[in-house]
Amino acid sequence: MRLGLILPLSFLGGCALFPLQESDCKGVNWERRGYADGYAGHPQQYLRLARECPRFGVEVSEADYVKGWQAGYDEWYRLIGSIDRRRF
């Protein structure tokens, strides 16, 4: 039972264990970054980026990131949906 509780918590804390590097923030096209996150099926990372990138003097464009994430997530969802339909 403990392992069942510890394992999910360790995954949730995984992002906090690895802070963003300067290369994760500087010179980034935020729409492309959002698209990549969404296409990979990841939840939005905007809040994390907006919290950590200012220490490198970078402001994250929420509109661009969310626009890209939505497009990538929509494509990921279509792909997953087509895979699910093939199974049945």
PDB file of N, CA and C in Angstrom:
ATOM      1  N   MET A   1       0.835  -1.202   0.000  1.00  0.00           N
ATOM      2  CA  MET A   1       0.000   0.000   0.000  1.00  0.00           C
ATOM      3  C   MET A   1       0.871   1.255   0.000  1.00  0.00           C
ATOM      4  N   ARG A   2       1.936   1.228   0.791  1.00  0.00           N
ATOM      5  CA  ARG A   2       2.804   2.419   0.850  1.00  0.00           C
ATOM      6  C   ARG A   2       3.450   2.715  -0.494  1.00  0.00           C
ATOM      7  N   LEU A   3       3.891   1.658  -1.161  1.00  0.00           N
ATOM      8  CA  LEU A   3       4.509   1.848  -2.463  1.00  0.00           C
ATOM      9  C   LEU A   3       3.524   2.465  -3.448  1.00  0.00           C
ATOM     10  N   GLY A   4       2.271   2.050  -3.363  1.00  0.00           N
ATOM     11  CA  GLY A   4       1.235   2.603  -4.228  1.00  0.00           C
ATOM     12  C   GLY A   4       1.008   4.079  -4.000  1.00  0.00           C
ATOM     13  N   LEU A   5       1.328   4.563  -2.817  1.00  0.00           N
ATOM     14  CA  LEU A   5       1.166   5.977  -2.497  1.00  0.00           C
ATOM     15  C   LEU A   5       2.441   6.759  -2.779  1.00  0.00           C
ATOM     16  N   ILE A   6       3.576   6.149  -2.515  1.00  0.00           N
ATOM     17  CA  ILE A   6       4.862   6.826  -2.682  1.00  0.00           C
ATOM     18  C   ILE A   6       5.198   7.023  -4.154  1.00  0.00           C
ATOM     19  N   LEU A   7       4.953   6.012  -4.957  1.00  0.00           N
ATOM     20  CA  LEU A   7       5.306   6.089  -6.365  1.00  0.00           C
ATOM     21  C   LEU A   7       4.625   7.245  -7.101  1.00  0.00           C
ATOM     22  N   PRO A   8       3.304   7.418  -7.002  1.00  0.00           N
ATOM     23  CA  PRO A   8       2.688   8.566  -7.678  1.00  0.00           C
ATOM     24  C   PRO A   8       3.181   9.914  -7.140  1.00  0.00           C
ATOM     25  N   LEU A   9       3.428   9.993  -5.861  1.00  0.00           N
ATOM     26  CA  LEU A   9       3.917  11.251  -5.291  1.00  0.00           C
ATOM     27  C   LEU A   9       5.312  11.578  -5.800  1.00  0.00           C
ATOM     28  N   SER A  10       6.126  10.563  -6.011  1.00  0.00           N
ATOM     29  CA  SER A  10       7.470  10.821  -6.525  1.00  0.00           C
ATOM     30  C   SER A  10       7.415  11.351  -7.954  1.00  0.00           C
ATOM     31  N   PHE A  11       6.449  10.868  -8.753  1.00  0.00           N
ATOM     32  CA  PHE A  11       6.300  11.386 -10.113  1.00  0.00           C
ATOM     33  C   PHE A  11       5.809  12.828 -10.100  1.00  0.00           C
ATOM     34  N   LEU A  12       4.909  13.147  -9.201  1.00  0.00           N
ATOM     35  CA  LEU A  12       4.406  14.515  -9.112  1.00  0.00           C
ATOM     36  C   LEU A  12       5.504  15.483  -8.702  1.00  0.00           C
ATOM     37  N   GLY A  13       6.395  15.044  -7.870  1.00  0.00           N
ATOM     38  CA  GLY A  13       7.490  15.907  -7.423  1.00  0.00           C
ATOM     39  C   GLY A  13       8.657  15.941  -8.381  1.00  0.00           C
ATOM     40  N   GLY A  14       8.625  15.137  -9.427  1.00  0.00           N
ATOM     41  CA  GLY A  14       9.747  15.043 -10.345  1.00  0.00           C
ATOM     42  C   GLY A  14      10.140  16.354 -10.983  1.00  0.00           C
ATOM     43  N   CYS A  15       9.174  17.152 -11.381  1.00  0.00           N
ATOM     44  CA  CYS A  15       9.483  18.439 -12.015  1.00  0.00           C
ATOM     45  C   CYS A  15      10.179  19.382 -11.043  1.00  0.00           C
ATOM     46  N   ALA A  16       9.776  19.343  -9.801  1.00  0.00           N
ATOM     47  CA  ALA A  16      10.380  20.228  -8.807  1.00  0.00           C
ATOM     48  C   ALA A  16      11.831  19.847  -8.542  1.00  0.00           C
ATOM     49  N   LEU A  17      12.172  18.597  -8.767  1.00  0.00           N
ATOM     50  CA  LEU A  17      13.533  18.148  -8.530  1.00  0.00           C
ATOM     51  C   LEU A  17      14.500  18.632  -9.597  1.00  0.00           C
ATOM     52  N   PHE A  18      13.987  18.967 -10.760  1.00  0.00           N
ATOM     53  CA  PHE A  18      14.818  19.392 -11.875  1.00  0.00           C
ATOM     54  C   PHE A  18      14.437  20.802 -12.301  1.00  0.00           C
ATOM     55  N   PRO A  19      15.057  21.815 -11.704  1.00  0.00           N
ATOM     56  CA  PRO A  19      14.713  23.192 -12.075  1.00  0.00           C
ATOM     57  C   PRO A  19      15.110  23.478 -13.529  1.00  0.00           C
ATOM     58  N   LEU A  20      14.418  24.424 -14.112  1.00  0.00           N
ATOM     59  CA  LEU A  20      14.708  24.801 -15.488  1.00  0.00           C
ATOM     60  C   LEU A  20      16.096  25.424 -15.590  1.00  0.00           C
ATOM     61  N   GLN A  21      16.717  25.196 -16.730  1.00  0.00           N
ATOM     62  CA  GLN A  21      18.012  25.795 -17.030  1.00  0.00           C
ATOM     63  C   GLN A  21      17.788  27.036 -17.900  1.00  0.00           C
ATOM     64  N   GLU A  22      18.803  27.834 -18.031  1.00  0.00           N
ATOM     65  CA  GLU A  22      18.699  29.042 -18.847  1.00  0.00           C
ATOM     66  C   GLU A  22      18.314  28.711 -20.287  1.00  0.00           C
ATOM     67  N   SER A  23      18.826  27.609 -20.805  1.00  0.00           N
ATOM     68  CA  SER A  23      18.517  27.206 -22.182  1.00  0.00           C
ATOM     69  C   SER A  23      17.053  26.807 -22.357  1.00  0.00           C
ATOM     70  N   ASP A  24      16.360  26.498 -21.257  1.00  0.00           N
ATOM     71  CA  ASP A  24      14.938  26.188 -21.326  1.00  0.00           C
ATOM     72  C   ASP A  24      14.095  27.445 -21.477  1.00  0.00           C
ATOM     73  N   CYS A  25      14.703  28.601 -21.258  1.00  0.00           N
ATOM     74  CA  CYS A  25      13.955  29.863 -21.259  1.00  0.00           C
ATOM     75  C   CYS A  25      14.411  30.852 -22.333  1.00  0.00           C
ATOM     76  N   LYS A  26      15.708  30.964 -22.531  1.00  0.00           N
ATOM     77  CA  LYS A  26      16.219  31.976 -23.463  1.00  0.00           C
ATOM     78  C   LYS A  26      16.130  31.518 -24.906  1.00  0.00           C
ATOM     79  N   GLY A  27      15.661  32.419 -25.760  1.00  0.00           N
ATOM     80  CA  GLY A  27      15.590  32.160 -27.189  1.00  0.00           C
ATOM     81  C   GLY A  27      14.539  31.126 -27.582  1.00  0.00           C
ATOM     82  N   VAL A  28      13.540  30.959 -26.746  1.00  0.00           N
ATOM     83  CA  VAL A  28      12.506  29.943 -26.995  1.00  0.00           C
ATOM     84  C   VAL A  28      11.324  30.556 -27.742  1.00  0.00           C
ATOM     85  N   ASN A  29      10.840  29.848 -28.735  1.00  0.00           N
ATOM     86  CA  ASN A  29       9.599  30.207 -29.402  1.00  0.00           C
ATOM     87  C   ASN A  29       8.500  29.572 -28.555  1.00  0.00           C
ATOM     88  N   TRP A  30       7.742  30.380 -27.828  1.00  0.00           N
ATOM     89  CA  TRP A  30       6.795  29.856 -26.848  1.00  0.00           C
ATOM     90  C   TRP A  30       5.649  29.083 -27.478  1.00  0.00           C
ATOM     91  N   GLU A  31       5.287  29.443 -28.684  1.00  0.00           N
ATOM     92  CA  GLU A  31       4.222  28.687 -29.356  1.00  0.00           C
ATOM     93  C   GLU A  31       4.725  27.276 -29.694  1.00  0.00           C
ATOM     94  N   ARG A  32       5.962  27.186 -30.179  1.00  0.00           N
ATOM     95  CA  ARG A  32       6.535  25.869 -30.479  1.00  0.00           C
ATOM     96  C   ARG A  32       6.728  25.043 -29.209  1.00  0.00           C
ATOM     97  N   ARG A  33       7.156  25.705 -28.135  1.00  0.00           N
ATOM     98  CA  ARG A  33       7.340  24.981 -26.869  1.00  0.00           C
ATOM     99  C   ARG A  33       5.996  24.436 -26.380  1.00  0.00           C
ATOM    100  N   GLY A  34       4.948  25.251 -26.460  1.00  0.00           N
ATOM    101  CA  GLY A  34       3.628  24.806 -26.068  1.00  0.00           C
ATOM    102  C   GLY A  34       3.148  23.656 -26.934  1.00  0.00           C
ATOM    103  N   TYR A  35       3.385  23.759 -28.238  1.00  0.00           N
ATOM    104  CA  TYR A  35       2.980  22.700 -29.156  1.00  0.00           C
ATOM    105  C   TYR A  35       3.673  21.390 -28.789  1.00  0.00           C
ATOM    106  N   ALA A  36       4.972  21.455 -28.534  1.00  0.00           N
ATOM    107  CA  ALA A  36       5.729  20.245 -28.192  1.00  0.00           C
ATOM    108  C   ALA A  36       5.193  19.609 -26.911  1.00  0.00           C
ATOM    109  N   ASP A  37       4.888  20.429 -25.915  1.00  0.00           N
ATOM    110  CA  ASP A  37       4.333  19.899 -24.665  1.00  0.00           C
ATOM    111  C   ASP A  37       2.972  19.245 -24.899  1.00  0.00           C
ATOM    112  N   GLY A  38       2.122  19.913 -25.654  1.00  0.00           N
ATOM    113  CA  GLY A  38       0.791  19.375 -25.925  1.00  0.00           C
ATOM    114  C   GLY A  38       0.836  18.126 -26.774  1.00  0.00           C
ATOM    115  N   TYR A  39       1.669  18.125 -27.806  1.00  0.00           N
ATOM    116  CA  TYR A  39       1.771  16.980 -28.706  1.00  0.00           C
ATOM    117  C   TYR A  39       2.307  15.750 -27.981  1.00  0.00           C
ATOM    118  N   ALA A  40       3.116  15.980 -26.952  1.00  0.00           N
ATOM    119  CA  ALA A  40       3.646  14.870 -26.155  1.00  0.00           C
ATOM    120  C   ALA A  40       2.624  14.389 -25.117  1.00  0.00           C
ATOM    121  N   GLY A  41       1.492  15.085 -25.029  1.00  0.00           N
ATOM    122  CA  GLY A  41       0.460  14.696 -24.078  1.00  0.00           C
ATOM    123  C   GLY A  41       0.709  15.212 -22.677  1.00  0.00           C
ATOM    124  N   HIS A  42       1.643  16.158 -22.552  1.00  0.00           N
ATOM    125  CA  HIS A  42       1.962  16.730 -21.240  1.00  0.00           C
ATOM    126  C   HIS A  42       0.931  17.785 -20.853  1.00  0.00           C
ATOM    127  N   PRO A  43       0.688  17.944 -19.569  1.00  0.00           N
ATOM    128  CA  PRO A  43      -0.162  19.056 -19.146  1.00  0.00           C
ATOM    129  C   PRO A  43       0.567  20.377 -19.415  1.00  0.00           C
ATOM    130  N   GLN A  44      -0.170  21.454 -19.419  1.00  0.00           N
ATOM    131  CA  GLN A  44       0.450  22.764 -19.648  1.00  0.00           C
ATOM    132  C   GLN A  44       1.527  23.038 -18.609  1.00  0.00           C
ATOM    133  N   GLN A  45       2.643  23.590 -19.078  1.00  0.00           N
ATOM    134  CA  GLN A  45       3.767  23.931 -18.211  1.00  0.00           C
ATOM    135  C   GLN A  45       3.907  25.440 -18.046  1.00  0.00           C
ATOM    136  N   TYR A  46       2.904  26.187 -18.505  1.00  0.00           N
ATOM    137  CA  TYR A  46       3.020  27.645 -18.493  1.00  0.00           C
ATOM    138  C   TYR A  46       3.325  28.205 -17.105  1.00  0.00           C
ATOM    139  N   LEU A  47       2.623  27.755 -16.090  1.00  0.00           N
ATOM    140  CA  LEU A  47       2.839  28.313 -14.747  1.00  0.00           C
ATOM    141  C   LEU A  47       4.261  28.073 -14.263  1.00  0.00           C
ATOM    142  N   ARG A  48       4.779  26.904 -14.524  1.00  0.00           N
ATOM    143  CA  ARG A  48       6.164  26.608 -14.131  1.00  0.00           C
ATOM    144  C   ARG A  48       7.142  27.498 -14.894  1.00  0.00           C
ATOM    145  N   LEU A  49       6.926  27.625 -16.195  1.00  0.00           N
ATOM    146  CA  LEU A  49       7.801  28.462 -17.006  1.00  0.00           C
ATOM    147  C   LEU A  49       7.730  29.921 -16.559  1.00  0.00           C
ATOM    148  N   ALA A  50       6.519  30.403 -16.302  1.00  0.00           N
ATOM    149  CA  ALA A  50       6.331  31.802 -15.890  1.00  0.00           C
ATOM    150  C   ALA A  50       6.944  32.060 -14.523  1.00  0.00           C
ATOM    151  N   ARG A  51       7.027  31.044 -13.703  1.00  0.00           N
ATOM    152  CA  ARG A  51       7.614  31.203 -12.361  1.00  0.00           C
ATOM    153  C   ARG A  51       9.141  31.147 -12.415  1.00  0.00           C
ATOM    154  N   GLU A  52       9.701  30.292 -13.260  1.00  0.00           N
ATOM    155  CA  GLU A  52      11.144  30.074 -13.247  1.00  0.00           C
ATOM    156  C   GLU A  52      11.941  30.887 -14.272  1.00  0.00           C
ATOM    157  N   CYS A  53      11.357  31.246 -15.397  1.00  0.00           N
ATOM    158  CA  CYS A  53      12.112  31.943 -16.438  1.00  0.00           C
ATOM    159  C   CYS A  53      12.485  33.389 -16.110  1.00  0.00           C
ATOM    160  N   PRO A  54      11.710  34.116 -15.293  1.00  0.00           N
ATOM    161  CA  PRO A  54      12.124  35.484 -14.986  1.00  0.00           C
ATOM    162  C   PRO A  54      13.502  35.596 -14.314  1.00  0.00           C
ATOM    163  N   ARG A  55      13.958  34.553 -13.661  1.00  0.00           N
ATOM    164  CA  ARG A  55      15.303  34.630 -13.049  1.00  0.00           C
ATOM    165  C   ARG A  55      16.396  34.685 -14.107  1.00  0.00           C
ATOM    166  N   PHE A  56      16.050  34.368 -15.357  1.00  0.00           N
ATOM    167  CA  PHE A  56      16.982  34.492 -16.476  1.00  0.00           C
ATOM    168  C   PHE A  56      16.661  35.723 -17.328  1.00  0.00           C
ATOM    169  N   GLY A  57      15.755  36.554 -16.825  1.00  0.00           N
ATOM    170  CA  GLY A  57      15.378  37.764 -17.540  1.00  0.00           C
ATOM    171  C   GLY A  57      14.453  37.506 -18.722  1.00  0.00           C
ATOM    172  N   VAL A  58      13.695  36.442 -18.667  1.00  0.00           N
ATOM    173  CA  VAL A  58      12.818  36.060 -19.775  1.00  0.00           C
ATOM    174  C   VAL A  58      11.375  36.080 -19.309  1.00  0.00           C
ATOM    175  N   GLU A  59      10.523  36.708 -20.109  1.00  0.00           N
ATOM    176  CA  GLU A  59       9.091  36.710 -19.837  1.00  0.00           C
ATOM    177  C   GLU A  59       8.421  35.757 -20.821  1.00  0.00           C
ATOM    178  N   VAL A  60       7.637  34.853 -20.295  1.00  0.00           N
ATOM    179  CA  VAL A  60       6.961  33.848 -21.118  1.00  0.00           C
ATOM    180  C   VAL A  60       5.652  34.436 -21.641  1.00  0.00           C
ATOM    181  N   SER A  61       5.410  34.261 -22.941  1.00  0.00           N
ATOM    182  CA  SER A  61       4.160  34.725 -23.538  1.00  0.00           C
ATOM    183  C   SER A  61       3.086  33.671 -23.304  1.00  0.00           C
ATOM    184  N   GLU A  62       2.163  33.968 -22.413  1.00  0.00           N
ATOM    185  CA  GLU A  62       1.088  33.023 -22.111  1.00  0.00           C
ATOM    186  C   GLU A  62       0.238  32.742 -23.344  1.00  0.00           C
ATOM    187  N   ALA A  63      -0.105  33.781 -24.085  1.00  0.00           N
ATOM    188  CA  ALA A  63      -0.965  33.604 -25.266  1.00  0.00           C
ATOM    189  C   ALA A  63      -0.314  32.678 -26.285  1.00  0.00           C
ATOM    190  N   ASP A  64       0.974  32.875 -26.561  1.00  0.00           N
ATOM    191  CA  ASP A  64       1.667  32.035 -27.531  1.00  0.00           C
ATOM    192  C   ASP A  64       1.793  30.594 -27.031  1.00  0.00           C
ATOM    193  N   TYR A  65       2.183  30.447 -25.766  1.00  0.00           N
ATOM    194  CA  TYR A  65       2.351  29.102 -25.216  1.00  0.00           C
ATOM    195  C   TYR A  65       1.030  28.331 -25.254  1.00  0.00           C
ATOM    196  N   VAL A  66      -0.037  28.952 -24.780  1.00  0.00           N
ATOM    197  CA  VAL A  66      -1.329  28.271 -24.716  1.00  0.00           C
ATOM    198  C   VAL A  66      -1.861  27.961 -26.117  1.00  0.00           C
ATOM    199  N   LYS A  67      -1.661  28.872 -27.062  1.00  0.00           N
ATOM    200  CA  LYS A  67      -2.084  28.629 -28.440  1.00  0.00           C
ATOM    201  C   LYS A  67      -1.370  27.398 -29.006  1.00  0.00           C
ATOM    202  N   GLY A  68      -0.060  27.325 -28.803  1.00  0.00           N
ATOM    203  CA  GLY A  68       0.713  26.174 -29.281  1.00  0.00           C
ATOM    204  C   GLY A  68       0.343  24.896 -28.557  1.00  0.00           C
ATOM    205  N   TRP A  69       0.161  24.992 -27.236  1.00  0.00           N
ATOM    206  CA  TRP A  69      -0.187  23.804 -26.452  1.00  0.00           C
ATOM    207  C   TRP A  69      -1.524  23.237 -26.918  1.00  0.00           C
ATOM    208  N   GLN A  70      -2.488  24.094 -27.137  1.00  0.00           N
ATOM    209  CA  GLN A  70      -3.812  23.629 -27.555  1.00  0.00           C
ATOM    210  C   GLN A  70      -3.744  22.929 -28.907  1.00  0.00           C
ATOM    211  N   ALA A  71      -2.978  23.495 -29.833  1.00  0.00           N
ATOM    212  CA  ALA A  71      -2.840  22.866 -31.153  1.00  0.00           C
ATOM    213  C   ALA A  71      -2.148  21.509 -31.039  1.00  0.00           C
ATOM    214  N   GLY A  72      -1.088  21.441 -30.250  1.00  0.00           N
ATOM    215  CA  GLY A  72      -0.375  20.179 -30.067  1.00  0.00           C
ATOM    216  C   GLY A  72      -1.210  19.154 -29.343  1.00  0.00           C
ATOM    217  N   TYR A  73      -1.933  19.580 -28.317  1.00  0.00           N
ATOM    218  CA  TYR A  73      -2.764  18.663 -27.552  1.00  0.00           C
ATOM    219  C   TYR A  73      -3.912  18.134 -28.406  1.00  0.00           C
ATOM    220  N   ASP A  74      -4.494  18.998 -29.225  1.00  0.00           N
ATOM    221  CA  ASP A  74      -5.568  18.556 -30.120  1.00  0.00           C
ATOM    222  C   ASP A  74      -5.064  17.478 -31.073  1.00  0.00           C
ATOM    223  N   GLU A  75      -3.851  17.675 -31.593  1.00  0.00           N
ATOM    224  CA  GLU A  75      -3.290  16.684 -32.505  1.00  0.00           C
ATOM    225  C   GLU A  75      -2.979  15.377 -31.765  1.00  0.00           C
ATOM    226  N   TRP A  76      -2.427  15.492 -30.575  1.00  0.00           N
ATOM    227  CA  TRP A  76      -2.151  14.305 -29.752  1.00  0.00           C
ATOM    228  C   TRP A  76      -3.444  13.555 -29.459  1.00  0.00           C
ATOM    229  N   TYR A  77      -4.487  14.289 -29.128  1.00  0.00           N
ATOM    230  CA  TYR A  77      -5.771  13.669 -28.803  1.00  0.00           C
ATOM    231  C   TYR A  77      -6.354  12.945 -30.012  1.00  0.00           C
ATOM    232  N   ARG A  78      -6.237  13.551 -31.193  1.00  0.00           N
ATOM    233  CA  ARG A  78      -6.707  12.891 -32.420  1.00  0.00           C
ATOM    234  C   ARG A  78      -5.930  11.603 -32.672  1.00  0.00           C
ATOM    235  N   LEU A  79      -4.616  11.656 -32.454  1.00  0.00           N
ATOM    236  CA  LEU A  79      -3.770  10.480 -32.654  1.00  0.00           C
ATOM    237  C   LEU A  79      -4.141   9.378 -31.675  1.00  0.00           C
ATOM    238  N   ILE A  80      -4.273   9.697 -30.415  1.00  0.00           N
ATOM    239  CA  ILE A  80      -4.645   8.713 -29.407  1.00  0.00           C
ATOM    240  C   ILE A  80      -6.029   8.146 -29.704  1.00  0.00           C
ATOM    241  N   GLY A  81      -6.941   8.996 -30.117  1.00  0.00           N
ATOM    242  CA  GLY A  81      -8.289   8.537 -30.464  1.00  0.00           C
ATOM    243  C   GLY A  81      -8.273   7.554 -31.615  1.00  0.00           C
ATOM    244  N   SER A  82      -7.420   7.801 -32.621  1.00  0.00           N
ATOM    245  CA  SER A  82      -7.365   6.891 -33.755  1.00  0.00           C
ATOM    246  C   SER A  82      -6.738   5.564 -33.357  1.00  0.00           C
ATOM    247  N   ILE A  83      -5.793   5.586 -32.446  1.00  0.00           N
ATOM    248  CA  ILE A  83      -5.196   4.345 -31.951  1.00  0.00           C
ATOM    249  C   ILE A  83      -6.220   3.544 -31.174  1.00  0.00           C
ATOM    250  N   ASP A  84      -6.988   4.215 -30.315  1.00  0.00           N
ATOM    251  CA  ASP A  84      -8.017   3.534 -29.533  1.00  0.00           C
ATOM    252  C   ASP A  84      -9.056   2.883 -30.432  1.00  0.00           C
ATOM    253  N   ARG A  85      -9.451   3.540 -31.512  1.00  0.00           N
ATOM    254  CA  ARG A  85     -10.477   3.012 -32.398  1.00  0.00           C
ATOM    255  C   ARG A  85      -9.963   1.774 -33.146  1.00  0.00           C
ATOM    256  N   ARG A  86      -8.658   1.729 -33.422  1.00  0.00           N
ATOM    257  CA  ARG A  86      -8.103   0.575 -34.133  1.00  0.00           C
ATOM    258  C   ARG A  86      -8.088  -0.675 -33.266  1.00  0.00           C
ATOM    259  N   ARG A  87      -8.031  -0.493 -31.970  1.00  0.00           N
ATOM    260  CA  ARG A  87      -7.977  -1.639 -31.069  1.00  0.00           C
ATOM    261  C   ARG A  87      -9.285  -2.401 -31.034  1.00  0.00           C
ATOM    262  N   PHE A  88     -10.397  -1.740 -31.292  1.00  0.00           N
ATOM    263  CA  PHE A  88     -11.703  -2.385 -31.123  1.00  0.00           C
ATOM    264  C   PHE A  88     -12.311  -2.771 -32.413  1.00  0.00           C
TER     265      PHE A  88
END
